[in-house]
Amino acid sequence: MPKFLTIGYGDRAGYDRTPGPVRDRAHREDAKLLSEGAVIGVAGQPTQVRNPEGSGVETMAGAFMSSALPVAGFALIEAENMEQAIRKVSGVPCAVAHGVVEIWPLG
């Protein structure tokens, strides 16, 4: 079955202004994805890695990407197609708590 990487963006303010019952339902959606075999994790502090032309590893603390909302977490899910992947993540916390979820199909 095809795999999709999801990136959830959201902040505490959006989460806090979302009604408790909606948040609870969203966390149940995360639990459902876990029960289906998804790998889910909360985002930590990133490190950039470069090795230009194999000349030596360079690292830098911090994200390379920037967005209006911070990265909150990641998931690796399986779905038959993009439409099913969208349905699967449309109820997770970042999607319902004033954030956004990106879905990246993996080849």
N, C-alpha and C. Protein backbone atom coordinates (compact mmCIF):
# COMPACT_ATOMS: atom_id res chain seq x y z
N MET A 1 0.86 -1.18 0.00
CA MET A 1 0.00 0.00 0.00
C MET A 1 0.90 1.24 0.00
N PRO A 2 0.53 2.27 -0.75
CA PRO A 2 1.33 3.49 -0.79
C PRO A 2 1.49 4.13 0.58
N LYS A 3 2.65 4.77 0.77
CA LYS A 3 2.95 5.47 2.02
C LYS A 3 2.95 6.98 1.78
N PHE A 4 2.58 7.70 2.82
CA PHE A 4 2.51 9.16 2.77
C PHE A 4 3.15 9.71 4.04
N LEU A 5 3.98 10.72 3.88
CA LEU A 5 4.54 11.44 5.02
C LEU A 5 3.65 12.65 5.27
N THR A 6 3.21 12.82 6.49
CA THR A 6 2.40 13.99 6.82
C THR A 6 3.19 14.87 7.77
N ILE A 7 3.06 16.17 7.58
CA ILE A 7 3.71 17.15 8.45
C ILE A 7 2.59 18.03 9.01
N GLY A 8 2.48 18.03 10.32
CA GLY A 8 1.46 18.85 10.98
C GLY A 8 2.06 20.14 11.49
N TYR A 9 1.40 21.24 11.18
CA TYR A 9 1.82 22.55 11.65
C TYR A 9 0.73 23.10 12.56
N GLY A 10 1.13 23.68 13.68
CA GLY A 10 0.15 24.27 14.57
C GLY A 10 0.83 24.88 15.77
N ASP A 11 0.12 25.76 16.44
CA ASP A 11 0.68 26.37 17.64
C ASP A 11 -0.27 26.21 18.81
N ARG A 12 0.24 26.51 19.97
CA ARG A 12 -0.53 26.34 21.20
C ARG A 12 -1.78 27.21 21.21
N ALA A 13 -1.66 28.43 20.66
CA ALA A 13 -2.82 29.34 20.67
C ALA A 13 -3.98 28.74 19.89
N GLY A 14 -3.72 28.17 18.72
CA GLY A 14 -4.78 27.54 17.93
C GLY A 14 -5.36 26.34 18.64
N TYR A 15 -4.49 25.55 19.26
CA TYR A 15 -4.93 24.37 20.00
C TYR A 15 -5.82 24.79 21.16
N ASP A 16 -5.38 25.81 21.91
CA ASP A 16 -6.12 26.24 23.10
C ASP A 16 -7.48 26.84 22.76
N ARG A 17 -7.62 27.46 21.59
CA ARG A 17 -8.93 28.06 21.26
C ARG A 17 -9.88 27.07 20.61
N THR A 18 -9.44 25.85 20.41
CA THR A 18 -10.29 24.80 19.86
C THR A 18 -11.05 24.15 21.01
N PRO A 19 -12.36 24.00 20.90
CA PRO A 19 -13.14 23.41 22.00
C PRO A 19 -12.61 22.03 22.41
N GLY A 20 -12.63 21.77 23.70
CA GLY A 20 -12.14 20.51 24.25
C GLY A 20 -12.69 19.27 23.57
N PRO A 21 -14.00 19.17 23.34
CA PRO A 21 -14.53 17.97 22.68
C PRO A 21 -13.96 17.77 21.27
N VAL A 22 -13.69 18.85 20.56
CA VAL A 22 -13.10 18.75 19.22
C VAL A 22 -11.67 18.23 19.33
N ARG A 23 -10.91 18.75 20.29
CA ARG A 23 -9.54 18.28 20.51
C ARG A 23 -9.54 16.81 20.90
N ASP A 24 -10.45 16.42 21.79
CA ASP A 24 -10.52 15.02 22.22
C ASP A 24 -10.79 14.10 21.04
N ARG A 25 -11.72 14.49 20.18
CA ARG A 25 -12.04 13.70 18.98
C ARG A 25 -10.82 13.61 18.06
N ALA A 26 -10.08 14.71 17.95
CA ALA A 26 -8.88 14.72 17.11
C ALA A 26 -7.80 13.78 17.65
N HIS A 27 -7.65 13.74 18.96
CA HIS A 27 -6.67 12.82 19.56
C HIS A 27 -7.10 11.36 19.36
N ARG A 28 -8.39 11.12 19.33
CA ARG A 28 -8.87 9.77 19.01
C ARG A 28 -8.52 9.40 17.56
N GLU A 29 -8.55 10.38 16.66
CA GLU A 29 -8.15 10.13 15.28
C GLU A 29 -6.67 9.76 15.21
N ASP A 30 -5.82 10.44 15.99
CA ASP A 30 -4.41 10.06 16.07
C ASP A 30 -4.27 8.62 16.56
N ALA A 31 -5.02 8.29 17.61
CA ALA A 31 -4.96 6.92 18.16
C ALA A 31 -5.40 5.90 17.11
N LYS A 32 -6.40 6.25 16.32
CA LYS A 32 -6.86 5.34 15.26
C LYS A 32 -5.75 5.13 14.23
N LEU A 33 -5.08 6.21 13.83
CA LEU A 33 -3.97 6.07 12.88
C LEU A 33 -2.88 5.17 13.46
N LEU A 34 -2.57 5.35 14.74
CA LEU A 34 -1.57 4.49 15.39
C LEU A 34 -2.00 3.03 15.34
N SER A 35 -3.28 2.78 15.61
CA SER A 35 -3.77 1.40 15.61
C SER A 35 -3.71 0.78 14.21
N GLU A 36 -3.71 1.63 13.17
CA GLU A 36 -3.61 1.16 11.79
C GLU A 36 -2.16 0.99 11.34
N GLY A 37 -1.21 1.27 12.24
CA GLY A 37 0.20 1.07 11.92
C GLY A 37 0.97 2.33 11.57
N ALA A 38 0.34 3.50 11.69
CA ALA A 38 1.06 4.74 11.40
C ALA A 38 2.18 4.94 12.42
N VAL A 39 3.23 5.59 11.98
CA VAL A 39 4.31 6.01 12.87
C VAL A 39 4.11 7.50 13.07
N ILE A 40 3.88 7.91 14.33
CA ILE A 40 3.56 9.30 14.64
C ILE A 40 4.55 9.83 15.67
N GLY A 41 4.98 11.07 15.48
CA GLY A 41 5.89 11.67 16.45
C GLY A 41 5.70 13.17 16.54
N VAL A 42 5.97 13.69 17.72
CA VAL A 42 5.96 15.13 17.96
C VAL A 42 7.31 15.68 17.51
N ALA A 43 7.30 16.81 16.85
CA ALA A 43 8.54 17.39 16.33
C ALA A 43 9.42 17.89 17.47
N GLY A 44 10.69 17.56 17.39
CA GLY A 44 11.70 18.09 18.30
C GLY A 44 12.46 19.21 17.60
N GLN A 45 13.61 19.55 18.15
CA GLN A 45 14.44 20.59 17.55
C GLN A 45 15.24 20.00 16.39
N PRO A 46 15.16 20.59 15.20
CA PRO A 46 15.84 20.03 14.03
C PRO A 46 17.32 20.41 13.98
N THR A 47 18.07 19.64 13.22
CA THR A 47 19.46 19.92 12.88
C THR A 47 19.62 19.78 11.37
N GLN A 48 20.21 20.77 10.74
CA GLN A 48 20.49 20.72 9.31
C GLN A 48 21.82 19.99 9.10
N VAL A 49 21.89 19.16 8.07
CA VAL A 49 23.11 18.43 7.74
C VAL A 49 23.46 18.69 6.29
N ARG A 50 24.70 19.07 6.06
CA ARG A 50 25.21 19.27 4.70
C ARG A 50 26.55 18.55 4.58
N ASN A 51 26.86 18.11 3.36
CA ASN A 51 28.15 17.50 3.05
C ASN A 51 28.48 17.86 1.61
N PRO A 52 28.82 19.15 1.35
CA PRO A 52 28.98 19.61 -0.02
C PRO A 52 30.09 18.85 -0.77
N GLU A 53 29.66 18.18 -1.83
CA GLU A 53 30.56 17.39 -2.67
C GLU A 53 31.37 16.39 -1.88
N GLY A 54 30.83 15.94 -0.76
CA GLY A 54 31.51 14.95 0.07
C GLY A 54 32.75 15.48 0.76
N SER A 55 32.84 16.79 0.91
CA SER A 55 34.05 17.41 1.45
C SER A 55 34.10 17.48 2.96
N GLY A 56 33.00 17.16 3.61
CA GLY A 56 32.97 17.21 5.07
C GLY A 56 31.59 17.58 5.56
N VAL A 57 31.21 16.95 6.63
CA VAL A 57 29.87 17.17 7.18
C VAL A 57 29.83 18.49 7.93
N GLU A 58 28.80 19.26 7.62
CA GLU A 58 28.53 20.52 8.31
C GLU A 58 27.15 20.42 8.93
N THR A 59 27.01 20.84 10.16
CA THR A 59 25.70 20.83 10.82
C THR A 59 25.39 22.22 11.35
N MET A 60 24.10 22.49 11.44
CA MET A 60 23.64 23.75 12.00
C MET A 60 22.32 23.48 12.72
N ALA A 61 22.21 23.97 13.93
CA ALA A 61 20.96 23.81 14.67
C ALA A 61 19.89 24.69 14.05
N GLY A 62 18.67 24.18 14.01
CA GLY A 62 17.55 24.95 13.50
C GLY A 62 16.98 24.40 12.22
N ALA A 63 15.80 24.86 11.91
CA ALA A 63 15.07 24.40 10.73
C ALA A 63 15.56 25.10 9.47
N PHE A 64 15.53 24.39 8.37
CA PHE A 64 15.81 24.97 7.06
C PHE A 64 14.54 25.59 6.51
N MET A 65 13.42 24.88 6.67
CA MET A 65 12.13 25.38 6.20
C MET A 65 11.60 26.43 7.17
N SER A 66 10.78 27.31 6.65
CA SER A 66 10.09 28.25 7.52
C SER A 66 8.62 28.29 7.11
N SER A 67 7.78 28.54 8.10
CA SER A 67 6.34 28.62 7.83
C SER A 67 5.70 29.55 8.85
N ALA A 68 4.47 29.92 8.57
CA ALA A 68 3.74 30.80 9.49
C ALA A 68 3.48 30.12 10.83
N LEU A 69 3.34 28.80 10.82
CA LEU A 69 3.12 28.03 12.04
C LEU A 69 4.29 27.09 12.24
N PRO A 70 4.63 26.79 13.50
CA PRO A 70 5.72 25.84 13.74
C PRO A 70 5.32 24.41 13.38
N VAL A 71 6.32 23.61 13.03
CA VAL A 71 6.08 22.19 12.81
C VAL A 71 5.75 21.57 14.16
N ALA A 72 4.64 20.86 14.21
CA ALA A 72 4.19 20.25 15.46
C ALA A 72 4.49 18.75 15.50
N GLY A 73 4.43 18.09 14.35
CA GLY A 73 4.67 16.65 14.36
C GLY A 73 4.64 16.06 12.96
N PHE A 74 4.96 14.77 12.93
CA PHE A 74 5.04 14.03 11.68
C PHE A 74 4.31 12.72 11.83
N ALA A 75 3.89 12.17 10.71
CA ALA A 75 3.33 10.82 10.70
C ALA A 75 3.66 10.17 9.37
N LEU A 76 3.88 8.89 9.41
CA LEU A 76 4.03 8.08 8.21
C LEU A 76 2.82 7.17 8.18
N ILE A 77 1.96 7.37 7.18
CA ILE A 77 0.71 6.61 7.10
C ILE A 77 0.67 5.82 5.79
N GLU A 78 -0.21 4.85 5.75
CA GLU A 78 -0.50 4.12 4.52
C GLU A 78 -1.93 4.44 4.10
N ALA A 79 -2.11 4.61 2.81
CA ALA A 79 -3.44 4.86 2.25
C ALA A 79 -3.45 4.37 0.81
N GLU A 80 -4.62 4.04 0.32
CA GLU A 80 -4.73 3.55 -1.06
C GLU A 80 -4.39 4.63 -2.08
N ASN A 81 -4.69 5.89 -1.74
CA ASN A 81 -4.44 7.00 -2.65
C ASN A 81 -4.49 8.31 -1.86
N MET A 82 -4.23 9.42 -2.55
CA MET A 82 -4.20 10.73 -1.87
C MET A 82 -5.55 11.05 -1.24
N GLU A 83 -6.64 10.72 -1.91
CA GLU A 83 -7.96 11.02 -1.36
C GLU A 83 -8.17 10.32 -0.01
N GLN A 84 -7.76 9.05 0.07
CA GLN A 84 -7.90 8.34 1.33
C GLN A 84 -6.96 8.93 2.38
N ALA A 85 -5.76 9.32 1.99
CA ALA A 85 -4.83 9.95 2.93
C ALA A 85 -5.42 11.25 3.49
N ILE A 86 -6.05 12.02 2.63
CA ILE A 86 -6.70 13.26 3.07
C ILE A 86 -7.79 12.95 4.10
N ARG A 87 -8.62 11.95 3.81
CA ARG A 87 -9.68 11.58 4.76
C ARG A 87 -9.08 11.16 6.09
N LYS A 88 -7.97 10.41 6.05
CA LYS A 88 -7.37 9.89 7.28
C LYS A 88 -6.83 11.01 8.18
N VAL A 89 -6.30 12.07 7.60
CA VAL A 89 -5.69 13.11 8.44
C VAL A 89 -6.57 14.33 8.65
N SER A 90 -7.73 14.35 8.02
CA SER A 90 -8.58 15.54 8.13
C SER A 90 -9.14 15.78 9.52
N GLY A 91 -9.08 14.79 10.39
CA GLY A 91 -9.61 14.97 11.74
C GLY A 91 -8.55 14.99 12.83
N VAL A 92 -7.26 15.00 12.48
CA VAL A 92 -6.21 14.98 13.50
C VAL A 92 -6.03 16.37 14.11
N PRO A 93 -5.35 16.47 15.26
CA PRO A 93 -5.26 17.74 15.97
C PRO A 93 -4.82 18.94 15.12
N CYS A 94 -3.76 18.82 14.35
CA CYS A 94 -3.31 19.99 13.58
C CYS A 94 -4.35 20.44 12.55
N ALA A 95 -5.08 19.50 11.98
CA ALA A 95 -6.08 19.85 10.97
C ALA A 95 -7.27 20.58 11.58
N VAL A 96 -7.66 20.21 12.80
CA VAL A 96 -8.88 20.79 13.39
C VAL A 96 -8.60 21.93 14.37
N ALA A 97 -7.35 22.07 14.82
CA ALA A 97 -7.04 23.08 15.84
C ALA A 97 -6.33 24.29 15.21
N HIS A 98 -6.88 24.76 14.10
CA HIS A 98 -6.40 25.99 13.45
C HIS A 98 -4.98 25.88 12.91
N GLY A 99 -4.58 24.66 12.58
CA GLY A 99 -3.28 24.43 11.96
C GLY A 99 -3.49 23.88 10.57
N VAL A 100 -2.52 23.12 10.10
CA VAL A 100 -2.59 22.54 8.75
C VAL A 100 -1.77 21.26 8.74
N VAL A 101 -2.16 20.33 7.88
CA VAL A 101 -1.39 19.10 7.68
C VAL A 101 -1.03 19.01 6.21
N GLU A 102 0.26 18.88 5.93
CA GLU A 102 0.71 18.61 4.56
C GLU A 102 0.82 17.10 4.39
N ILE A 103 0.51 16.64 3.20
CA ILE A 103 0.65 15.22 2.87
C ILE A 103 1.61 15.11 1.69
N TRP A 104 2.66 14.32 1.89
CA TRP A 104 3.67 14.11 0.85
C TRP A 104 3.66 12.65 0.45
N PRO A 105 3.28 12.34 -0.79
CA PRO A 105 3.33 10.94 -1.24
C PRO A 105 4.79 10.50 -1.36
N LEU A 106 5.07 9.28 -0.92
CA LEU A 106 6.42 8.73 -1.01
C LEU A 106 6.46 7.74 -2.16
N GLY A 107 7.43 7.89 -3.03
CA GLY A 107 7.54 7.05 -4.21
C GLY A 107 8.19 5.72 -3.94
